[in-house]
Amino acid sequence: MMKWKTALMLVVVALMVSGCFLTKVVTVPMRLGAAVISIIPVAGNTAHDAIDQAADIVDEVPI
């Protein structure tokens, strides 16, 4: 039982130390979607840039 509590405590501490983990969960799919959208000939690069800027803003959120 003590090993379970220790493992849980280590996971909680690791998540608190790497606060950017939660923002990466959100921004990685955004960036992947932007990469797929950038294939579209005319509007792709504009959409990619807009999504990339939004992902940058989400990355800066202090979680």
N, C-alpha and C. Protein backbone atom coordinates (compact mmCIF):
# COMPACT_ATOMS: atom_id res chain seq x y z
N MET A 1 0.82 -1.19 0.00
CA MET A 1 0.00 0.00 0.00
C MET A 1 0.86 1.25 0.00
N MET A 2 1.99 1.20 0.70
CA MET A 2 2.87 2.36 0.80
C MET A 2 3.51 2.67 -0.55
N LYS A 3 3.81 1.64 -1.35
CA LYS A 3 4.41 1.87 -2.67
C LYS A 3 3.43 2.63 -3.57
N TRP A 4 2.16 2.32 -3.47
CA TRP A 4 1.13 2.99 -4.27
C TRP A 4 1.08 4.47 -3.93
N LYS A 5 1.11 4.79 -2.66
CA LYS A 5 1.07 6.19 -2.23
C LYS A 5 2.32 6.94 -2.68
N THR A 6 3.46 6.28 -2.60
CA THR A 6 4.71 6.90 -3.03
C THR A 6 4.70 7.18 -4.53
N ALA A 7 4.22 6.22 -5.31
CA ALA A 7 4.14 6.40 -6.75
C ALA A 7 3.17 7.53 -7.10
N LEU A 8 2.05 7.57 -6.42
CA LEU A 8 1.08 8.64 -6.67
C LEU A 8 1.67 10.00 -6.31
N MET A 9 2.39 10.07 -5.23
CA MET A 9 3.02 11.32 -4.82
C MET A 9 4.06 11.77 -5.85
N LEU A 10 4.83 10.85 -6.38
CA LEU A 10 5.83 11.19 -7.40
C LEU A 10 5.17 11.71 -8.67
N VAL A 11 4.06 11.13 -9.07
CA VAL A 11 3.34 11.59 -10.25
C VAL A 11 2.79 13.00 -10.03
N VAL A 12 2.23 13.25 -8.87
CA VAL A 12 1.69 14.58 -8.57
C VAL A 12 2.80 15.62 -8.56
N VAL A 13 3.92 15.30 -7.96
CA VAL A 13 5.05 16.24 -7.94
C VAL A 13 5.57 16.49 -9.35
N ALA A 14 5.67 15.45 -10.15
CA ALA A 14 6.15 15.60 -11.52
C ALA A 14 5.21 16.50 -12.34
N LEU A 15 3.92 16.35 -12.14
CA LEU A 15 2.98 17.19 -12.86
C LEU A 15 3.05 18.64 -12.40
N MET A 16 3.32 18.85 -11.13
CA MET A 16 3.42 20.22 -10.64
C MET A 16 4.70 20.89 -11.13
N VAL A 17 5.76 20.13 -11.24
CA VAL A 17 7.03 20.68 -11.70
C VAL A 17 6.94 21.05 -13.18
N SER A 18 6.34 20.18 -13.96
CA SER A 18 6.23 20.45 -15.40
C SER A 18 4.85 21.02 -15.68
N GLY A 19 4.65 22.27 -15.33
CA GLY A 19 3.36 22.92 -15.51
C GLY A 19 2.96 23.06 -16.95
N CYS A 20 3.94 23.04 -17.84
CA CYS A 20 3.62 23.20 -19.26
C CYS A 20 3.04 21.92 -19.85
N PHE A 21 2.98 20.84 -19.10
CA PHE A 21 2.43 19.58 -19.61
C PHE A 21 0.99 19.74 -20.06
N LEU A 22 0.18 20.43 -19.26
CA LEU A 22 -1.23 20.58 -19.60
C LEU A 22 -1.43 21.45 -20.84
N THR A 23 -0.60 22.45 -21.01
CA THR A 23 -0.73 23.27 -22.21
C THR A 23 -0.28 22.51 -23.44
N LYS A 24 0.68 21.62 -23.29
CA LYS A 24 1.13 20.81 -24.44
C LYS A 24 0.03 19.85 -24.88
N VAL A 25 -0.76 19.38 -23.95
CA VAL A 25 -1.88 18.50 -24.30
C VAL A 25 -2.85 19.22 -25.23
N VAL A 26 -2.98 20.52 -25.07
CA VAL A 26 -3.88 21.32 -25.90
C VAL A 26 -3.20 21.76 -27.19
N THR A 27 -1.95 22.22 -27.10
CA THR A 27 -1.32 22.85 -28.25
C THR A 27 -0.77 21.87 -29.28
N VAL A 28 -0.40 20.67 -28.88
CA VAL A 28 0.13 19.72 -29.86
C VAL A 28 -0.93 19.36 -30.91
N PRO A 29 -2.17 19.04 -30.52
CA PRO A 29 -3.17 18.80 -31.56
C PRO A 29 -3.46 20.04 -32.42
N MET A 30 -3.39 21.23 -31.80
CA MET A 30 -3.59 22.45 -32.57
C MET A 30 -2.51 22.59 -33.64
N ARG A 31 -1.28 22.34 -33.26
CA ARG A 31 -0.17 22.47 -34.20
C ARG A 31 -0.23 21.40 -35.29
N LEU A 32 -0.66 20.19 -34.92
CA LEU A 32 -0.81 19.15 -35.94
C LEU A 32 -1.92 19.50 -36.93
N GLY A 33 -3.01 20.03 -36.41
CA GLY A 33 -4.10 20.46 -37.29
C GLY A 33 -3.65 21.60 -38.20
N ALA A 34 -2.85 22.49 -37.68
CA ALA A 34 -2.34 23.59 -38.50
C ALA A 34 -1.42 23.08 -39.59
N ALA A 35 -0.64 22.06 -39.28
CA ALA A 35 0.24 21.49 -40.30
C ALA A 35 -0.56 20.85 -41.42
N VAL A 36 -1.66 20.21 -41.07
CA VAL A 36 -2.51 19.59 -42.10
C VAL A 36 -3.21 20.67 -42.92
N ILE A 37 -3.66 21.72 -42.26
CA ILE A 37 -4.36 22.80 -42.96
C ILE A 37 -3.42 23.55 -43.89
N SER A 38 -2.13 23.60 -43.56
CA SER A 38 -1.19 24.37 -44.38
C SER A 38 -1.02 23.78 -45.78
N ILE A 39 -1.53 22.59 -46.00
CA ILE A 39 -1.45 21.96 -47.32
C ILE A 39 -2.38 22.65 -48.31
N ILE A 40 -3.46 23.24 -47.82
CA ILE A 40 -4.42 23.91 -48.70
C ILE A 40 -3.71 25.06 -49.42
N PRO A 41 -3.83 25.14 -50.75
CA PRO A 41 -3.02 26.07 -51.54
C PRO A 41 -3.11 27.55 -51.16
N VAL A 42 -4.26 28.14 -51.11
CA VAL A 42 -4.35 29.59 -50.96
C VAL A 42 -4.44 30.01 -49.50
N ALA A 43 -5.37 29.48 -48.77
CA ALA A 43 -5.62 29.93 -47.40
C ALA A 43 -4.87 29.12 -46.36
N GLY A 44 -4.16 28.11 -46.77
CA GLY A 44 -3.51 27.21 -45.82
C GLY A 44 -2.48 27.88 -44.94
N ASN A 45 -1.61 28.68 -45.55
CA ASN A 45 -0.55 29.32 -44.75
C ASN A 45 -1.12 30.36 -43.80
N THR A 46 -2.14 31.08 -44.22
CA THR A 46 -2.76 32.07 -43.34
C THR A 46 -3.41 31.39 -42.14
N ALA A 47 -4.13 30.31 -42.39
CA ALA A 47 -4.78 29.57 -41.31
C ALA A 47 -3.73 28.95 -40.39
N HIS A 48 -2.67 28.42 -40.98
CA HIS A 48 -1.59 27.83 -40.18
C HIS A 48 -0.97 28.87 -39.25
N ASP A 49 -0.70 30.05 -39.78
CA ASP A 49 -0.11 31.11 -38.95
C ASP A 49 -1.03 31.53 -37.82
N ALA A 50 -2.33 31.63 -38.10
CA ALA A 50 -3.28 32.02 -37.06
C ALA A 50 -3.37 30.97 -35.96
N ILE A 51 -3.42 29.71 -36.34
CA ILE A 51 -3.49 28.63 -35.34
C ILE A 51 -2.20 28.55 -34.56
N ASP A 52 -1.08 28.76 -35.23
CA ASP A 52 0.22 28.72 -34.55
C ASP A 52 0.34 29.85 -33.53
N GLN A 53 -0.16 31.03 -33.86
CA GLN A 53 -0.15 32.14 -32.91
C GLN A 53 -1.04 31.84 -31.71
N ALA A 54 -2.19 31.23 -31.96
CA ALA A 54 -3.09 30.86 -30.85
C ALA A 54 -2.43 29.81 -29.96
N ALA A 55 -1.73 28.87 -30.56
CA ALA A 55 -1.03 27.85 -29.77
C ALA A 55 0.09 28.47 -28.94
N ASP A 56 0.77 29.46 -29.49
CA ASP A 56 1.81 30.17 -28.73
C ASP A 56 1.22 30.85 -27.50
N ILE A 57 0.05 31.45 -27.67
CA ILE A 57 -0.62 32.13 -26.55
C ILE A 57 -1.02 31.11 -25.47
N VAL A 58 -1.54 29.97 -25.90
CA VAL A 58 -1.93 28.93 -24.94
C VAL A 58 -0.70 28.40 -24.21
N ASP A 59 0.42 28.30 -24.90
CA ASP A 59 1.65 27.84 -24.25
C ASP A 59 2.10 28.76 -23.13
N GLU A 60 1.78 30.04 -23.24
CA GLU A 60 2.21 31.01 -22.23
C GLU A 60 1.29 31.08 -21.02
N VAL A 61 0.19 30.34 -21.03
CA VAL A 61 -0.75 30.35 -19.90
C VAL A 61 -0.06 29.69 -18.71
N PRO A 62 -0.03 30.37 -17.58
CA PRO A 62 0.66 29.78 -16.40
C PRO A 62 -0.22 28.77 -15.67
N ILE A 63 -0.13 27.53 -16.08
CA ILE A 63 -0.91 26.48 -15.41
C ILE A 63 0.03 25.66 -14.55
